[in-house]
Structures are given as C-alpha cells and as structure tokens.
Protein backbone atom coordinates (compact mmCIF):
# COMPACT_ATOMS: atom_id res chain seq x y z
CA UNK A 1 18.41 -29.40 -5.59
CA UNK A 2 16.16 -31.41 -7.94
CA UNK A 3 13.78 -32.34 -5.14
CA UNK A 4 13.48 -28.84 -3.72
CA UNK A 5 13.86 -26.74 -6.91
CA UNK A 6 10.21 -25.74 -6.69
CA UNK A 7 10.80 -24.25 -3.18
CA UNK A 8 13.63 -22.08 -4.53
CA UNK A 9 11.49 -20.86 -7.38
CA UNK A 10 8.66 -20.18 -4.96
CA UNK A 11 10.96 -18.26 -2.62
CA UNK A 12 12.23 -16.21 -5.52
CA UNK A 13 8.67 -15.50 -6.61
CA UNK A 14 7.77 -14.34 -3.11
CA UNK A 15 10.84 -12.13 -2.81
CA UNK A 16 10.08 -10.54 -6.20
CA UNK A 17 6.47 -10.01 -5.10
CA UNK A 18 7.58 -8.28 -1.94
CA UNK A 19 9.95 -6.08 -3.91
CA UNK A 20 7.03 -5.17 -6.21
CA UNK A 21 5.00 -3.99 -3.23
CA UNK A 22 7.73 -1.49 -2.44
CA UNK A 23 8.25 -0.24 -6.10
CA UNK A 24 4.73 -0.44 -7.54
CA UNK A 25 6.21 -0.48 -11.04
CA UNK A 26 4.80 -3.88 -12.15
CA UNK A 27 8.24 -5.03 -13.32
CA UNK A 28 8.98 -7.28 -10.33
CA UNK A 29 5.43 -8.63 -10.43
CA UNK A 30 6.02 -9.85 -13.97
CA UNK A 31 9.33 -11.39 -12.96
CA UNK A 32 7.58 -13.03 -10.04
CA UNK A 33 5.09 -14.55 -12.52
CA UNK A 34 8.07 -16.04 -14.38
CA UNK A 35 9.39 -17.54 -11.17
CA UNK A 36 5.93 -19.12 -10.61
CA UNK A 37 6.22 -20.69 -14.00
CA UNK A 38 9.46 -22.22 -12.83
CA UNK A 39 7.57 -23.51 -9.81
CA UNK A 40 5.02 -25.24 -12.08
CA UNK A 41 7.68 -26.93 -14.21
CA UNK A 42 9.58 -28.04 -11.09
CA UNK A 43 6.48 -29.53 -9.56
CA UNK A 44 5.78 -31.40 -12.79
CA UNK A 45 9.26 -32.92 -12.60
CA UNK A 46 10.87 -30.93 -15.43
CA UNK A 47 14.68 -30.58 -15.64
CA UNK A 48 16.33 -27.48 -14.21
CA UNK A 49 17.14 -26.10 -17.74
CA UNK A 50 13.47 -26.34 -18.71
CA UNK A 51 12.52 -24.56 -15.49
CA UNK A 52 14.87 -21.69 -16.29
CA UNK A 53 13.66 -21.47 -19.90
CA UNK A 54 10.01 -21.42 -18.91
CA UNK A 55 10.70 -18.80 -16.18
CA UNK A 56 12.56 -16.52 -18.60
CA UNK A 57 10.04 -16.88 -21.45
CA UNK A 58 7.10 -16.28 -19.14
CA UNK A 59 8.80 -13.32 -17.47
CA UNK A 60 9.65 -11.73 -20.80
CA UNK A 61 6.19 -12.30 -22.15
CA UNK A 62 4.69 -10.72 -19.08
CA UNK A 63 7.05 -7.72 -19.31
CA UNK A 64 6.37 -7.29 -23.06
CA UNK A 65 2.65 -7.99 -23.26
CA UNK A 66 0.87 -7.82 -19.91
CA UNK A 67 2.78 -4.94 -18.25
CA UNK A 68 2.19 -2.33 -20.93
CA UNK A 69 -1.53 -3.10 -21.01
CA UNK A 70 -1.71 -2.97 -17.20
CA UNK A 71 0.12 0.33 -17.05
CA UNK A 72 -2.13 1.82 -19.67
CA UNK A 73 -5.15 0.90 -17.56
CA UNK A 74 -3.59 2.17 -14.36
CA UNK A 75 -2.58 5.52 -15.83
CA UNK A 76 -5.93 6.67 -17.22
CA UNK A 77 -6.25 10.45 -17.29
CA UNK A 78 -8.25 12.11 -14.57
CA UNK A 79 -11.79 13.06 -15.34
CA UNK A 80 -12.18 16.42 -16.97
CA UNK A 81 -14.10 18.87 -14.80
CA UNK A 82 -16.95 20.61 -16.53
CA UNK A 83 -19.57 23.22 -15.61
CA UNK A 84 -19.18 25.13 -12.42
CA UNK A 85 -16.77 22.52 -11.04
CA UNK A 86 -14.25 23.66 -13.71
CA UNK A 87 -14.29 27.20 -12.26
CA UNK A 88 -12.98 26.11 -8.78
CA UNK A 89 -9.37 27.16 -8.54
CA UNK A 90 -9.68 29.77 -11.28
CA UNK A 91 -8.38 33.26 -10.89
CA UNK A 92 -10.64 36.31 -11.18
CA UNK A 93 -10.66 40.06 -10.50
CA UNK A 94 -12.90 41.93 -8.17
CA UNK A 95 -14.87 44.60 -10.03
CA UNK A 96 -16.81 45.68 -6.98
CA UNK A 97 -16.02 45.41 -3.28
CA UNK A 98 -16.40 41.81 -2.15
CA UNK A 99 -17.12 40.95 1.47
CA UNK A 100 -18.94 38.27 3.40
CA UNK A 101 -22.29 39.60 2.19
CA UNK A 102 -21.63 39.99 -1.53
CA UNK A 103 -19.84 41.73 -4.35
CA UNK A 104 -18.96 41.18 -8.04
CA UNK A 105 -16.00 39.58 -9.75
CA UNK A 106 -15.03 39.05 -13.37
CA UNK A 107 -14.49 35.31 -13.83
CA UNK A 108 -13.52 33.85 -17.26
CA UNK A 109 -14.94 36.92 -19.00
CA UNK A 110 -18.26 36.83 -17.10
CA UNK A 111 -19.51 38.91 -14.20
CA UNK A 112 -20.32 36.73 -11.17
CA UNK A 113 -21.72 37.55 -7.80
CA UNK A 114 -19.23 36.67 -5.13
CA UNK A 115 -18.61 36.56 -1.37
CA UNK A 116 -15.42 36.03 0.60
CA UNK A 117 -14.47 32.67 2.01
CA UNK A 118 -13.24 34.34 5.17
CA UNK A 119 -16.05 36.50 6.58
CA UNK A 120 -13.56 38.95 8.11
CA UNK A 121 -11.84 39.77 4.78
CA UNK A 122 -12.77 42.56 2.39
CA UNK A 123 -11.50 42.58 -1.17
CA UNK A 124 -11.35 45.87 -3.00
CA UNK A 125 -12.04 46.42 -6.76
CA UNK A 126 -9.07 45.49 -8.96
CA UNK A 127 -7.62 42.92 -6.55
CA UNK A 128 -6.99 39.35 -7.72
CA UNK A 129 -9.02 36.52 -6.19
CA UNK A 130 -9.19 32.78 -6.50
CA UNK A 131 -12.44 30.80 -6.56
CA UNK A 132 -12.71 28.28 -3.67
CA UNK A 133 -16.15 26.96 -4.51
CA UNK A 134 -19.35 27.79 -6.34
CA UNK A 135 -22.41 28.12 -4.11
CA UNK A 136 -25.40 28.30 -6.36
CA UNK A 137 -24.77 31.34 -8.57
CA UNK A 138 -22.26 32.84 -6.15
CA UNK A 139 -18.53 32.37 -6.33
CA UNK A 140 -16.87 31.96 -2.96
CA UNK A 141 -13.45 33.60 -3.18
CA UNK A 142 -10.34 34.47 -1.29
CA UNK A 143 -7.63 37.01 -1.99
CA UNK A 144 -4.98 35.64 -4.29
CA UNK A 145 -1.33 36.19 -3.64
CA UNK A 146 -0.57 36.61 -7.33
C-alpha cells in the first residue's frame, strides 16, 4: 500500500474527474483536485495520514473558495438585447391588413410597417401577431396563437 498509494490516489482522481464530466457541477472536479494533492504527498513519500489530511484540506478549500468563483463566472447573465433586436419575439396587434406586401401593426406603442413571414398568410386588423425579425424599418410577423 505504501509503495503504490500514489496510484490509488491517482485512480480516485481520475474516477472523480470522469464523474464530473457527467455532472458538470464542479463538485467532483474539486474533490478530484484533493485526490491529486494526495498523489503529490504520496510521491514525496509522506505517510498515509498526511496524504488523507492534505487531500481533505485541498478538496475543502477548492469547494469553499474556487468552486463559488468558478460558478459565478460560468453563470454570467445573457447579454441584454437592445434596439430592434429587443423587438424580436414581441407581441403586436395588426391595425391594418398585413400580407406579404405590407401593412401596419402597433408594436410597443408605436406604429410599424409590417409584412407576413409566410407570403400566403393574410392578417386582418385587430389580430395578434408576433415579430419574427426586423427587416430595415419593417417588422416581419406571423399570426400569434394568443
């Protein structure tokens, strides 16, 4: 055991690393780092009790310090859409007949020129629509189910 303790620590580190790949929670990665600390102490000829203590201290430090910082960086909020990109997905109301050639909708309190996404569709005044894209100053819409 004393001669091959490093191999056991290394195997544990690899197993924990593989488990991390399946969970993607960064917990098992931190535990794997602790096991690698055990490998280092074993390779330096440290006693088994020191290997265990170093592995535990390193794993707890990684869980308490490194993991929260890493998670904070991984979970940054998505970029806020601004300008016309923010209008995509918005609901509107047809105020004039909208077809493949044109029409008018009321979108976020403003009157926009619009055309249908599907050229075969016609949207009558008062019907709800959803903006698929903005093409220049024209909203491309389709009939909303709501």
